[in-house]
Protein backbone atom coordinates (compact mmCIF):
# COMPACT_ATOMS: atom_id res chain seq x y z
CA MET A 1 3.56 13.06 -18.96
CA ARG A 2 6.77 11.91 -17.33
CA ARG A 3 7.55 15.28 -15.75
CA ASN A 4 4.29 16.03 -13.96
CA PHE A 5 2.92 13.39 -11.59
CA ASP A 6 -0.24 15.43 -10.95
CA THR A 7 -1.37 15.18 -14.58
CA ALA A 8 0.28 11.93 -15.71
CA CYS A 9 -2.70 9.82 -14.68
CA ARG A 10 -4.95 11.87 -16.99
CA LYS A 11 -3.01 10.66 -19.99
CA ALA A 12 -4.77 7.73 -21.63
CA ALA A 13 -1.42 6.13 -22.49
CA PHE A 14 -0.52 6.04 -18.80
CA TYR A 15 -3.22 3.45 -18.10
CA GLY A 16 -2.69 1.56 -21.33
CA LEU A 17 1.04 1.15 -20.81
CA HIS A 18 1.35 0.87 -17.03
CA ALA A 19 -1.76 0.32 -14.89
CA ASP A 20 -3.40 -2.19 -17.23
CA ARG A 21 -0.19 -4.21 -17.55
CA LEU A 22 0.27 -4.44 -13.76
CA TRP A 23 -3.40 -5.39 -13.40
CA GLU A 24 -2.89 -8.34 -15.74
CA VAL A 25 0.24 -9.42 -13.85
CA TRP A 26 -1.54 -9.23 -10.50
CA LYS A 27 -4.49 -11.32 -11.73
CA SER A 28 -2.25 -14.22 -12.71
CA ILE A 29 0.56 -13.87 -10.17
CA HIS A 30 2.02 -17.24 -9.15
CA GLY A 31 -0.46 -19.02 -11.39
CA GLN A 32 -3.54 -17.78 -9.56
CA LYS A 33 -6.60 -16.64 -11.44
CA ARG A 34 -8.09 -13.83 -9.44
CA PRO A 35 -11.70 -12.82 -10.12
CA GLU A 36 -12.51 -9.51 -11.70
CA PHE A 37 -13.88 -6.69 -9.58
CA MET A 38 -17.58 -6.87 -10.44
CA ASP A 39 -19.16 -4.03 -8.48
CA PRO A 40 -22.03 -2.74 -10.69
CA ASP A 41 -21.17 0.89 -9.93
CA TRP A 42 -17.84 0.29 -11.63
CA ILE A 43 -18.79 -2.27 -14.28
CA ASP A 44 -21.69 -0.15 -15.57
CA SER A 45 -19.77 3.13 -15.54
CA SER A 46 -19.57 4.44 -19.09
CA PHE A 47 -17.74 6.98 -21.18
CA VAL A 48 -18.58 8.63 -24.48
CA LEU A 49 -15.70 8.35 -26.95
CA TYR A 50 -15.05 8.77 -30.65
CA ASP A 51 -14.58 5.56 -32.64
CA GLU A 52 -12.38 5.04 -35.70
CA ASN A 53 -15.11 6.64 -37.87
CA ALA A 54 -15.25 9.79 -35.71
CA GLN A 55 -18.65 8.70 -34.39
CA LEU A 56 -19.59 9.08 -30.74
CA VAL A 57 -20.05 5.75 -28.96
CA ARG A 58 -20.74 4.88 -25.33
CA VAL A 59 -18.36 2.33 -23.82
CA LYS A 60 -18.85 0.64 -20.45
CA VAL A 61 -16.00 -0.40 -18.17
CA GLY A 62 -17.32 -3.97 -18.35
CA ASP A 63 -16.69 -3.98 -22.10
CA CYS A 64 -12.97 -3.43 -21.60
CA LEU A 65 -11.92 -6.00 -19.00
CA ASP A 66 -10.65 -8.67 -21.39
CA PRO A 67 -7.65 -7.52 -23.46
CA LEU A 68 -8.26 -10.27 -26.03
CA LYS A 69 -11.67 -8.79 -26.83
CA LEU A 70 -9.90 -5.50 -27.45
CA ARG A 71 -7.49 -7.31 -29.79
CA TYR A 72 -4.29 -6.87 -27.84
CA THR A 73 -2.18 -8.85 -25.39
CA TYR A 74 1.08 -8.44 -23.50
CA GLN A 75 4.29 -10.18 -24.44
CA GLU A 76 5.32 -12.95 -22.06
CA ILE A 77 8.62 -11.79 -20.60
CA PRO A 78 10.55 -12.58 -17.40
CA ILE A 79 9.60 -10.43 -14.40
CA PRO A 80 12.69 -10.39 -12.16
CA TRP A 81 11.02 -8.59 -9.25
CA LEU A 82 8.10 -11.02 -9.04
CA ASP A 83 9.91 -13.58 -6.88
CA SER A 84 12.31 -11.16 -5.25
CA SER A 85 11.55 -10.44 -1.61
CA PRO A 86 13.34 -8.73 1.28
CA ASN A 87 15.00 -10.75 4.05
CA PRO A 88 14.81 -10.32 7.83
CA LYS A 89 17.80 -8.77 9.52
CA LEU A 90 20.11 -11.57 10.61
CA LYS A 91 21.17 -9.75 13.75
CA LYS A 92 20.46 -6.58 15.63
CA THR A 93 22.68 -3.62 14.99
CA GLY A 94 24.92 -2.45 17.80
CA GLU A 95 24.30 -0.05 20.64
CA SER A 96 25.96 2.72 18.64
CA SER A 97 23.06 2.61 16.21
CA LYS A 98 20.39 2.52 18.90
CA SER A 99 21.87 5.48 20.73
CA ALA A 100 21.33 7.64 17.64
CA GLU A 101 17.61 6.89 17.36
CA LEU A 102 14.98 9.58 17.51
CA PRO A 103 12.87 9.67 20.68
CA ARG A 104 10.36 6.83 20.65
CA THR A 105 7.02 6.60 22.43
CA THR A 106 5.27 3.26 22.89
CA ILE A 107 1.47 3.55 22.84
CA GLY A 108 -1.61 1.39 22.44
CA THR A 109 -4.29 1.43 19.77
CA GLY A 110 -6.53 3.42 22.11
CA ASP A 111 -4.13 6.38 22.14
CA PHE A 112 -5.33 7.76 18.81
CA PRO A 113 -5.90 10.14 17.09
CA ARG A 114 -2.32 11.32 17.42
CA THR A 115 -0.04 13.78 15.68
CA VAL A 116 3.05 12.00 14.43
CA ASP A 117 5.87 14.44 15.17
CA THR A 118 8.18 11.87 16.77
CA VAL A 119 8.76 8.14 16.44
CA ILE A 120 5.95 6.05 17.90
CA SER A 121 5.64 2.29 18.39
CA VAL A 122 2.12 0.88 18.56
CA GLU A 123 1.21 -2.47 20.08
CA VAL A 124 -1.48 -3.71 17.69
CA PRO A 125 -3.55 -6.78 18.72
CA ARG A 126 -4.08 -9.46 16.08
CA PRO A 127 -7.71 -10.63 15.84
CA ARG A 128 -6.53 -14.02 14.56
CA LYS A 129 -3.23 -15.86 14.65
CA SER A 130 -1.70 -19.21 13.69
CA ARG A 131 -3.77 -19.33 10.51
CA SER A 132 -3.60 -22.29 8.17
CA PRO A 133 -2.12 -22.00 4.64
CA LYS A 134 -5.67 -22.16 3.25
CA GLU A 135 -6.83 -19.31 5.50
CA LYS A 136 -3.87 -17.19 4.44
CA GLU A 137 -4.55 -17.95 0.80
CA ASP A 138 -8.18 -16.88 1.19
CA GLU A 139 -7.52 -13.74 3.22
CA GLU A 140 -4.63 -11.32 3.52
CA GLU A 141 -3.82 -9.99 6.97
CA VAL A 142 -3.61 -6.24 6.47
CA LEU A 143 -2.28 -3.40 8.58
CA LEU A 144 -4.70 -0.49 8.31
CA ILE A 145 -3.48 3.01 9.15
CA ARG A 146 -6.63 5.11 8.99
CA GLY A 147 -7.63 8.72 9.38
CA ILE A 148 -4.38 10.10 7.95
CA GLU A 149 -4.78 13.86 7.94
CA LEU A 150 -2.21 16.13 6.31
CA LEU A 151 -1.64 19.26 8.34
CA ASP A 152 -0.19 20.98 5.27
CA THR A 153 -1.14 19.57 1.86
CA ASP A 154 1.22 22.02 0.18
CA ALA A 155 4.24 20.42 1.87
CA PHE A 156 6.06 17.17 1.17
CA VAL A 157 5.03 14.54 3.73
CA LYS A 158 6.61 11.16 4.38
CA PHE A 159 6.64 8.58 7.13
CA ASP A 160 8.04 5.04 7.22
CA VAL A 161 6.46 1.97 8.84
CA TYR A 162 8.35 -0.94 10.39
CA ILE A 163 7.04 -4.23 11.79
CA ASN A 164 8.52 -5.85 14.92
CA ASP A 165 11.72 -3.83 14.58
CA GLU A 166 13.70 -2.83 17.67
CA ASP A 167 16.31 -0.87 15.75
CA TYR A 168 14.78 0.86 12.73
CA LEU A 169 17.95 2.85 12.01
CA GLY A 170 19.60 -0.36 10.90
CA THR A 171 16.69 -1.24 8.61
CA SER A 172 16.27 -0.45 4.92
CA PRO A 173 13.86 -1.55 2.15
CA ILE A 174 15.95 -4.70 1.64
CA HIS A 175 14.78 -5.95 5.06
CA THR A 176 11.47 -7.64 5.85
CA GLU A 177 10.88 -5.38 8.86
CA PHE A 178 10.51 -2.38 6.54
CA ALA A 179 6.81 -2.43 5.59
CA GLY A 180 6.67 0.68 3.41
CA SER A 181 6.54 4.45 3.13
CA PHE A 182 3.59 6.83 2.98
CA MET A 183 4.28 9.91 0.87
CA ASN A 184 2.34 12.97 -0.23
CA ARG A 185 3.71 15.27 -2.87
CA PRO A 186 2.89 18.99 -2.71
CA GLN A 187 -0.06 19.66 -4.97
CA LYS A 188 -2.73 22.25 -5.41
CA LEU A 189 -6.02 20.89 -4.09
CA VAL A 190 -9.45 22.38 -3.61
CA GLN A 191 -10.37 23.02 0.00
CA GLU A 192 -12.61 19.94 0.22
CA MET A 193 -9.77 17.64 -0.86
CA LYS A 194 -7.38 19.22 1.61
CA LYS A 195 -9.67 18.24 4.48
CA LYS A 196 -10.14 14.68 3.24
CA LYS A 197 -8.66 11.97 5.47
CA ARG A 198 -6.78 9.09 3.92
CA CYS A 199 -6.19 5.48 4.84
CA TRP A 200 -3.26 3.23 3.99
CA ARG A 201 -3.20 -0.58 3.90
CA LEU A 202 -0.13 -2.80 4.07
CA ALA A 203 -0.23 -6.54 3.36
CA MET A 204 1.39 -8.55 6.15
CA ASN A 205 1.04 -12.27 5.36
CA GLU A 206 4.56 -12.67 3.99
CA ILE A 207 6.07 -10.23 6.50
CA LEU A 208 4.77 -12.21 9.47
CA GLU A 209 5.83 -15.51 7.90
CA ASP A 210 9.38 -14.28 7.25
CA LEU A 211 9.68 -12.82 10.75
CA GLY A 212 8.35 -15.98 12.39
CA ALA A 213 5.59 -13.95 14.04
CA GLU A 214 2.51 -15.85 12.87
CA ASP A 215 1.76 -17.10 16.38
CA ASP A 216 2.23 -13.72 18.10
CA ASP A 217 -0.71 -12.06 19.83
CA ILE A 218 0.40 -8.57 18.81
CA VAL A 219 2.63 -6.85 16.28
CA ILE A 220 4.75 -3.84 17.08
CA VAL A 221 4.24 -1.15 14.46
CA THR A 222 6.84 1.61 14.46
CA ILE A 223 6.01 4.83 12.62
CA VAL A 224 8.94 7.11 11.82
CA PRO A 225 8.24 10.64 10.51
CA ARG A 226 10.66 11.65 7.76
CA ALA A 227 9.18 14.90 6.45
CA GLY A 228 6.18 17.06 7.32
CA THR A 229 3.58 16.29 9.96
CA VAL A 230 0.43 14.18 9.88
CA THR A 231 -2.28 13.17 12.30
CA ILE A 232 -3.24 9.48 12.37
CA GLY A 233 -6.70 8.39 13.46
CA GLY A 234 -5.88 4.79 14.31
CA VAL A 235 -3.88 1.64 13.59
CA GLU A 236 -5.50 -1.77 13.41
CA ILE A 237 -5.44 -5.13 11.66
CA GLU A 238 -8.11 -6.37 9.28
CA PHE A 239 -8.47 -9.30 6.88
CA LEU A 240 -9.20 -8.83 3.19
CA SER A 241 -10.05 -11.32 0.49
CA ASP A 242 -9.62 -10.89 -3.26
C-alpha cells in the first residue's frame, strides 16, 4: 500500500487510518462543529459487504458517518501542525535573486486559456473585499484555477502558485506568499480520463490576512512551471461555505 500511490486509495485501511481521521479533525478544528455533507446522492450510496457472520449486507454511507455508532473513536492527542502557519517574508530578497528569475509575463484573467510554459503573473479581481470577521467565518475566499489540462498524462507535472509575491525565487513553503503546488504523477489512464480537465482550489482567507491584502481590489497570482506542461482554462476568485 505504501509503495504504490495509484492503488493505495483502494485499500480499505487507507481510509480507516488516514482519510477518516483527518475528516474528524477538520470537522472540529478550532472548536468548530462543521455540518456533515448531506447530499442524497452521497448519503444514500450503498455497498454490499460481508458481515461478521459471512452474510451479505447492504450498508449506506449515511450509516457510517458517526464513529461512535461504529464503536470506535480516535485518541485525543496533540496536533502540532494544527496551529502552525507560514509567515510573510519580512523583506524582499536582493537584486541578485531577481536577476535569476525565469521570464515572467503579466496577463489578465481574459487571457486564458493559456499554456503554462513560462512564469506568468495574473491580475485577478476580487469580487468582494474588506469583509467582516463574520463574513470570513461564513465563507472562504478561494482561488480557483480551472480547466487544467495535462498535455502528457504519462509525464510528471508540477507548478507552484504564489500570491502577491514580487520575488518568488526567495519564497519557500515556510512563507505565506507560497500558496501551494499542483502535481500529477505519471499513471496509466484510459483515454477518457486523459482528456478530463481538472480544477484546483486554494483557500485564501488566512493568506490575505497575513499579507495585509484584505482591502486590495486585486491579487497577483504567479504561476511557476516546475515540470511538464499544462494548459490552464482560467483563474478566478470564488466564495465557498462549509
